[in-house]
């Protein structure tokens, strides 16, 4: 019987067999430590990269704006309001203020959800 085997695969097979029989070798632990250190270095590069810092800053500002706008809307909760959007205005009772949306119940009974990013103005009717 003839068997054709890649040399790399054969080495990996016998290394795995050796680990099963004799346990981990010191060299194996060094290789694992090197891999872990490489992963740590890679993570550090990403965490301290300027692009990641800009991403965090941009999202933090967006969240702060949403939170302050949410506080404004909460003053009008259960009141008749008009919310202006680029698509037009929506008038009705402000029923709910979520983390990033407002729910209005129009006079006809239909519920309208509007994301904060779509709201241009709000005023009491």
N, C-alpha and C. Protein backbone atom coordinates (compact mmCIF):
# COMPACT_ATOMS: atom_id res chain seq x y z
N UNK A 1 0.85 -1.17 0.00
CA UNK A 1 0.00 0.00 0.00
C UNK A 1 0.89 1.23 0.00
N UNK A 2 0.53 2.19 -0.87
CA UNK A 2 1.30 3.42 -0.98
C UNK A 2 0.47 4.56 -0.40
N UNK A 3 1.10 5.38 0.43
CA UNK A 3 0.42 6.48 1.10
C UNK A 3 1.17 7.77 0.80
N UNK A 4 0.47 8.75 0.26
CA UNK A 4 1.09 10.04 -0.04
C UNK A 4 0.63 11.02 1.03
N UNK A 5 1.59 11.60 1.76
CA UNK A 5 1.28 12.49 2.86
C UNK A 5 2.11 13.74 2.74
N UNK A 6 1.49 14.87 3.03
CA UNK A 6 2.19 16.14 3.08
C UNK A 6 3.10 16.12 4.31
N UNK A 7 4.33 16.60 4.16
CA UNK A 7 5.30 16.56 5.26
C UNK A 7 4.81 17.38 6.46
N UNK A 8 4.19 18.52 6.21
CA UNK A 8 3.69 19.37 7.29
C UNK A 8 2.59 18.65 8.08
N UNK A 9 1.67 18.00 7.36
CA UNK A 9 0.60 17.26 8.01
C UNK A 9 1.15 16.12 8.85
N UNK A 10 2.17 15.44 8.33
CA UNK A 10 2.78 14.32 9.05
C UNK A 10 3.42 14.81 10.35
N UNK A 11 4.14 15.93 10.28
CA UNK A 11 4.76 16.50 11.48
C UNK A 11 3.70 16.88 12.52
N UNK A 12 2.63 17.54 12.06
CA UNK A 12 1.56 17.93 12.98
C UNK A 12 0.90 16.71 13.61
N UNK A 13 0.75 15.64 12.83
CA UNK A 13 0.16 14.41 13.35
C UNK A 13 1.01 13.84 14.48
N UNK A 14 2.31 13.74 14.24
CA UNK A 14 3.19 13.17 15.27
C UNK A 14 3.35 14.11 16.47
N UNK A 15 3.32 15.42 16.24
CA UNK A 15 3.38 16.34 17.37
C UNK A 15 2.13 16.20 18.23
N UNK A 16 0.99 16.08 17.60
CA UNK A 16 -0.25 15.87 18.34
C UNK A 16 -0.24 14.56 19.10
N UNK A 17 0.28 13.50 18.47
CA UNK A 17 0.38 12.20 19.12
C UNK A 17 1.33 12.28 20.31
N UNK A 18 2.44 13.00 20.14
CA UNK A 18 3.41 13.16 21.23
C UNK A 18 2.77 13.92 22.40
N UNK A 19 1.98 14.96 22.09
CA UNK A 19 1.31 15.72 23.16
C UNK A 19 0.33 14.86 23.93
N UNK A 20 -0.38 13.98 23.19
CA UNK A 20 -1.33 13.10 23.86
C UNK A 20 -0.64 12.12 24.80
N UNK A 21 0.47 11.61 24.36
CA UNK A 21 1.18 10.60 25.15
C UNK A 21 2.00 11.23 26.27
N UNK A 22 2.78 12.27 25.95
CA UNK A 22 3.74 12.83 26.92
C UNK A 22 3.31 14.15 27.54
N UNK A 23 2.22 14.74 27.08
CA UNK A 23 1.81 16.04 27.59
C UNK A 23 2.46 17.16 26.79
N UNK A 24 2.18 18.38 27.18
CA UNK A 24 2.71 19.53 26.45
C UNK A 24 4.20 19.69 26.68
N UNK A 25 4.85 20.10 25.64
CA UNK A 25 6.28 20.38 25.68
C UNK A 25 6.46 21.86 26.03
N UNK A 26 7.62 22.19 26.57
CA UNK A 26 7.91 23.58 26.92
C UNK A 26 7.83 24.47 25.67
N UNK A 27 8.29 23.95 24.54
CA UNK A 27 8.23 24.72 23.29
C UNK A 27 6.78 25.02 22.90
N UNK A 28 5.90 24.06 23.15
CA UNK A 28 4.49 24.27 22.84
C UNK A 28 3.92 25.41 23.67
N UNK A 29 4.30 25.47 24.94
CA UNK A 29 3.83 26.54 25.82
C UNK A 29 4.37 27.89 25.34
N UNK A 30 5.63 27.92 24.88
CA UNK A 30 6.21 29.16 24.37
C UNK A 30 5.46 29.64 23.14
N UNK A 31 5.12 28.70 22.26
CA UNK A 31 4.37 29.07 21.05
C UNK A 31 3.01 29.62 21.43
N UNK A 32 2.32 28.98 22.38
CA UNK A 32 1.01 29.47 22.83
C UNK A 32 1.15 30.84 23.47
N UNK A 33 2.18 31.05 24.29
CA UNK A 33 2.40 32.35 24.91
C UNK A 33 2.67 33.41 23.86
N UNK A 34 3.43 33.05 22.82
CA UNK A 34 3.69 33.98 21.73
C UNK A 34 2.40 34.36 21.01
N UNK A 35 1.53 33.37 20.80
CA UNK A 35 0.25 33.66 20.15
C UNK A 35 -0.59 34.58 21.01
N UNK A 36 -0.64 34.30 22.31
CA UNK A 36 -1.41 35.15 23.22
C UNK A 36 -0.85 36.56 23.23
N UNK A 37 0.47 36.69 23.25
CA UNK A 37 1.10 38.02 23.25
C UNK A 37 0.82 38.74 21.94
N UNK A 38 0.82 38.01 20.84
CA UNK A 38 0.50 38.62 19.54
C UNK A 38 -0.93 39.15 19.53
N UNK A 39 -1.85 38.38 20.12
CA UNK A 39 -3.24 38.82 20.20
C UNK A 39 -3.35 40.07 21.07
N UNK A 40 -2.65 40.07 22.21
CA UNK A 40 -2.66 41.24 23.10
C UNK A 40 -2.16 42.49 22.36
N UNK A 41 -1.04 42.34 21.65
CA UNK A 41 -0.46 43.47 20.91
C UNK A 41 -1.44 43.98 19.86
N UNK A 42 -2.08 43.06 19.17
CA UNK A 42 -3.03 43.43 18.15
C UNK A 42 -4.21 44.20 18.76
N UNK A 43 -4.71 43.72 19.89
CA UNK A 43 -5.81 44.42 20.56
C UNK A 43 -5.39 45.80 21.03
N UNK A 44 -4.19 45.90 21.57
CA UNK A 44 -3.70 47.21 22.01
C UNK A 44 -3.63 48.19 20.85
N UNK A 45 -3.14 47.72 19.71
CA UNK A 45 -3.06 48.59 18.52
C UNK A 45 -4.44 49.10 18.14
N UNK A 46 -5.42 48.21 18.15
CA UNK A 46 -6.78 48.61 17.78
C UNK A 46 -7.39 49.56 18.80
N UNK A 47 -7.20 49.26 20.09
CA UNK A 47 -7.82 50.09 21.12
C UNK A 47 -7.23 51.49 21.18
N UNK A 48 -5.96 51.62 20.85
CA UNK A 48 -5.31 52.92 20.91
C UNK A 48 -5.18 53.60 19.55
N UNK A 49 -5.82 53.05 18.55
CA UNK A 49 -5.77 53.64 17.21
C UNK A 49 -6.63 54.91 17.17
N UNK A 50 -6.23 55.86 16.35
CA UNK A 50 -6.96 57.12 16.25
C UNK A 50 -8.37 56.91 15.70
N UNK A 51 -8.53 55.95 14.78
CA UNK A 51 -9.85 55.69 14.21
C UNK A 51 -10.82 55.20 15.27
N UNK A 52 -10.34 54.33 16.17
CA UNK A 52 -11.20 53.81 17.22
C UNK A 52 -11.58 54.93 18.20
N UNK A 53 -10.62 55.80 18.52
CA UNK A 53 -10.89 56.93 19.40
C UNK A 53 -11.94 57.85 18.78
N UNK A 54 -11.82 58.10 17.47
CA UNK A 54 -12.80 58.95 16.78
C UNK A 54 -14.18 58.29 16.79
N UNK A 55 -14.21 56.97 16.58
CA UNK A 55 -15.47 56.23 16.62
C UNK A 55 -16.15 56.36 17.99
N UNK A 56 -15.37 56.17 19.07
CA UNK A 56 -15.93 56.29 20.41
C UNK A 56 -16.44 57.69 20.69
N UNK A 57 -15.66 58.67 20.29
CA UNK A 57 -16.04 60.06 20.54
C UNK A 57 -17.32 60.41 19.78
N UNK A 58 -17.40 59.99 18.54
CA UNK A 58 -18.59 60.29 17.73
C UNK A 58 -19.83 59.66 18.33
N UNK A 59 -19.74 58.40 18.75
CA UNK A 59 -20.89 57.72 19.33
C UNK A 59 -21.25 58.28 20.70
N UNK A 60 -20.26 58.71 21.44
CA UNK A 60 -20.52 59.30 22.76
C UNK A 60 -21.29 60.61 22.60
N UNK A 61 -20.89 61.44 21.63
CA UNK A 61 -21.58 62.70 21.38
C UNK A 61 -23.01 62.44 20.94
N UNK A 62 -23.20 61.46 20.07
CA UNK A 62 -24.55 61.12 19.61
C UNK A 62 -25.42 60.69 20.77
N UNK A 63 -24.89 59.87 21.66
CA UNK A 63 -25.66 59.42 22.82
C UNK A 63 -26.00 60.58 23.75
N UNK A 64 -25.06 61.49 23.93
CA UNK A 64 -25.34 62.66 24.78
C UNK A 64 -26.45 63.52 24.18
N UNK A 65 -26.41 63.72 22.86
CA UNK A 65 -27.47 64.50 22.20
C UNK A 65 -28.82 63.82 22.37
N UNK A 66 -28.85 62.49 22.17
CA UNK A 66 -30.11 61.77 22.31
C UNK A 66 -30.63 61.88 23.73
N UNK A 67 -29.74 61.78 24.71
CA UNK A 67 -30.17 61.85 26.10
C UNK A 67 -30.74 63.22 26.43
N UNK A 68 -30.09 64.28 25.96
CA UNK A 68 -30.59 65.63 26.25
C UNK A 68 -31.91 65.88 25.51
N UNK A 69 -32.03 65.38 24.27
CA UNK A 69 -33.28 65.54 23.53
C UNK A 69 -34.39 64.74 24.20
N UNK A 70 -34.04 63.59 24.73
CA UNK A 70 -35.02 62.75 25.44
C UNK A 70 -35.59 63.50 26.64
N UNK A 71 -34.71 64.21 27.36
CA UNK A 71 -35.16 64.99 28.52
C UNK A 71 -36.15 66.08 28.11
N UNK A 72 -35.90 66.70 26.97
CA UNK A 72 -36.82 67.72 26.46
C UNK A 72 -38.17 67.10 26.15
N UNK A 73 -38.16 65.97 25.47
CA UNK A 73 -39.42 65.31 25.11
C UNK A 73 -40.20 64.83 26.33
N UNK A 74 -39.48 64.39 27.37
CA UNK A 74 -40.17 63.90 28.57
C UNK A 74 -41.01 65.00 29.23
N UNK A 75 -40.66 66.26 29.01
CA UNK A 75 -41.46 67.36 29.56
C UNK A 75 -42.84 67.41 28.92
N UNK A 76 -42.95 66.89 27.69
CA UNK A 76 -44.21 66.92 26.96
C UNK A 76 -44.96 65.59 27.00
N UNK A 77 -44.53 64.66 27.82
CA UNK A 77 -45.15 63.34 27.89
C UNK A 77 -46.63 63.48 28.26
N UNK A 78 -47.49 62.77 27.51
CA UNK A 78 -48.95 62.75 27.66
C UNK A 78 -49.59 64.11 27.37
N UNK A 79 -48.91 64.94 26.60
CA UNK A 79 -49.43 66.24 26.17
C UNK A 79 -49.65 66.19 24.66
N UNK A 80 -50.50 67.10 24.15
CA UNK A 80 -50.67 67.26 22.71
C UNK A 80 -49.48 68.05 22.17
N UNK A 81 -48.75 67.44 21.22
CA UNK A 81 -47.57 68.08 20.67
C UNK A 81 -47.57 67.96 19.15
N UNK A 82 -46.70 68.74 18.56
CA UNK A 82 -46.43 68.63 17.13
C UNK A 82 -44.94 68.38 16.99
N UNK A 83 -44.59 67.29 16.33
CA UNK A 83 -43.20 66.97 16.05
C UNK A 83 -42.96 67.21 14.57
N UNK A 84 -41.96 68.02 14.28
CA UNK A 84 -41.63 68.31 12.88
C UNK A 84 -40.51 67.44 12.39
N UNK A 85 -40.69 66.87 11.21
CA UNK A 85 -39.66 66.05 10.57
C UNK A 85 -39.46 66.56 9.14
N UNK A 86 -38.48 66.04 8.45
CA UNK A 86 -38.27 66.41 7.05
C UNK A 86 -39.45 65.98 6.18
N UNK A 87 -40.16 64.93 6.60
CA UNK A 87 -41.28 64.42 5.83
C UNK A 87 -42.58 65.15 6.15
N UNK A 88 -42.57 66.03 7.13
CA UNK A 88 -43.78 66.76 7.53
C UNK A 88 -43.93 66.72 9.04
N UNK A 89 -45.01 67.26 9.52
CA UNK A 89 -45.23 67.29 10.98
C UNK A 89 -46.24 66.23 11.38
N UNK A 90 -46.10 65.78 12.62
CA UNK A 90 -47.00 64.79 13.19
C UNK A 90 -47.57 65.40 14.45
N UNK A 91 -48.89 65.39 14.56
CA UNK A 91 -49.56 65.99 15.71
C UNK A 91 -50.35 64.93 16.44
N UNK A 92 -50.29 64.97 17.77
CA UNK A 92 -51.03 64.03 18.59
C UNK A 92 -50.51 64.03 20.00
N UNK A 93 -50.90 63.03 20.76
CA UNK A 93 -50.49 62.91 22.17
C UNK A 93 -49.17 62.14 22.21
N UNK A 94 -48.19 62.74 22.87
CA UNK A 94 -46.89 62.06 23.05
C UNK A 94 -47.09 60.98 24.09
N UNK A 95 -47.16 59.74 23.63
CA UNK A 95 -47.52 58.61 24.49
C UNK A 95 -46.31 57.99 25.18
N UNK A 96 -45.20 57.94 24.47
CA UNK A 96 -44.02 57.26 25.02
C UNK A 96 -42.75 57.90 24.48
N UNK A 97 -41.73 57.95 25.34
CA UNK A 97 -40.41 58.42 24.93
C UNK A 97 -39.43 57.31 25.24
N UNK A 98 -38.89 56.70 24.19
CA UNK A 98 -37.94 55.61 24.36
C UNK A 98 -36.52 56.15 24.42
N UNK A 99 -35.56 55.24 24.27
CA UNK A 99 -34.15 55.68 24.30
C UNK A 99 -33.78 56.51 23.09
N UNK A 100 -34.37 56.17 21.93
CA UNK A 100 -34.03 56.91 20.71
C UNK A 100 -35.24 57.15 19.81
N UNK A 101 -36.43 57.07 20.39
CA UNK A 101 -37.64 57.29 19.60
C UNK A 101 -38.74 57.89 20.46
N UNK A 102 -39.73 58.47 19.78
CA UNK A 102 -40.93 58.99 20.44
C UNK A 102 -42.14 58.35 19.78
N UNK A 103 -43.15 58.06 20.58
CA UNK A 103 -44.39 57.50 20.05
C UNK A 103 -45.50 58.52 20.24
N UNK A 104 -46.19 58.80 19.15
CA UNK A 104 -47.31 59.73 19.18
C UNK A 104 -48.57 58.99 18.76
N UNK A 105 -49.65 59.26 19.48
CA UNK A 105 -50.96 58.73 19.08
C UNK A 105 -51.73 59.87 18.43
N UNK A 106 -51.98 59.73 17.15
CA UNK A 106 -52.68 60.77 16.40
C UNK A 106 -54.16 60.77 16.76
N UNK A 107 -54.87 61.82 16.36
CA UNK A 107 -56.28 61.96 16.71
C UNK A 107 -57.12 60.81 16.16
N UNK A 108 -56.71 60.21 15.07
CA UNK A 108 -57.44 59.07 14.49
C UNK A 108 -57.15 57.76 15.20
N UNK A 109 -56.22 57.76 16.16
CA UNK A 109 -55.89 56.56 16.93
C UNK A 109 -54.66 55.81 16.43
N UNK A 110 -54.11 56.25 15.31
CA UNK A 110 -52.92 55.55 14.82
C UNK A 110 -51.68 55.97 15.61
N UNK A 111 -50.81 54.99 15.82
CA UNK A 111 -49.56 55.22 16.56
C UNK A 111 -48.43 55.45 15.57
N UNK A 112 -47.63 56.47 15.85
CA UNK A 112 -46.52 56.81 14.97
C UNK A 112 -45.25 56.81 15.81
N UNK A 113 -44.25 56.04 15.35
CA UNK A 113 -42.94 56.02 16.01
C UNK A 113 -41.98 56.86 15.18
N UNK A 114 -41.29 57.77 15.86
CA UNK A 114 -40.34 58.65 15.18
C UNK A 114 -39.01 58.59 15.92
N UNK A 115 -37.95 58.31 15.18
CA UNK A 115 -36.60 58.31 15.79
C UNK A 115 -36.17 59.74 16.06
N UNK A 116 -35.40 59.93 17.14
CA UNK A 116 -34.93 61.27 17.50
C UNK A 116 -34.17 61.93 16.35
N UNK A 117 -33.41 61.14 15.60
CA UNK A 117 -32.61 61.71 14.52
C UNK A 117 -33.47 62.30 13.41
N UNK A 118 -34.76 61.93 13.36
CA UNK A 118 -35.65 62.43 12.33
C UNK A 118 -36.43 63.66 12.79
N UNK A 119 -36.39 63.99 14.07
CA UNK A 119 -37.18 65.09 14.62
C UNK A 119 -36.39 66.40 14.48
N UNK A 120 -37.04 67.40 13.89
CA UNK A 120 -36.41 68.71 13.74
C UNK A 120 -36.85 69.67 14.84
N UNK A 121 -38.12 69.57 15.26
CA UNK A 121 -38.60 70.44 16.33
C UNK A 121 -39.75 69.77 17.05
N UNK A 122 -40.05 70.29 18.22
CA UNK A 122 -41.19 69.84 19.02
C UNK A 122 -41.79 71.05 19.71
N UNK A 123 -43.10 71.12 19.69
CA UNK A 123 -43.77 72.18 20.47
C UNK A 123 -45.16 71.70 20.87
N UNK A 124 -45.63 72.29 21.97
CA UNK A 124 -46.95 71.93 22.50
C UNK A 124 -48.04 72.57 21.65
N UNK A 125 -49.12 71.80 21.43
CA UNK A 125 -50.25 72.30 20.63
C UNK A 125 -51.34 72.76 21.55
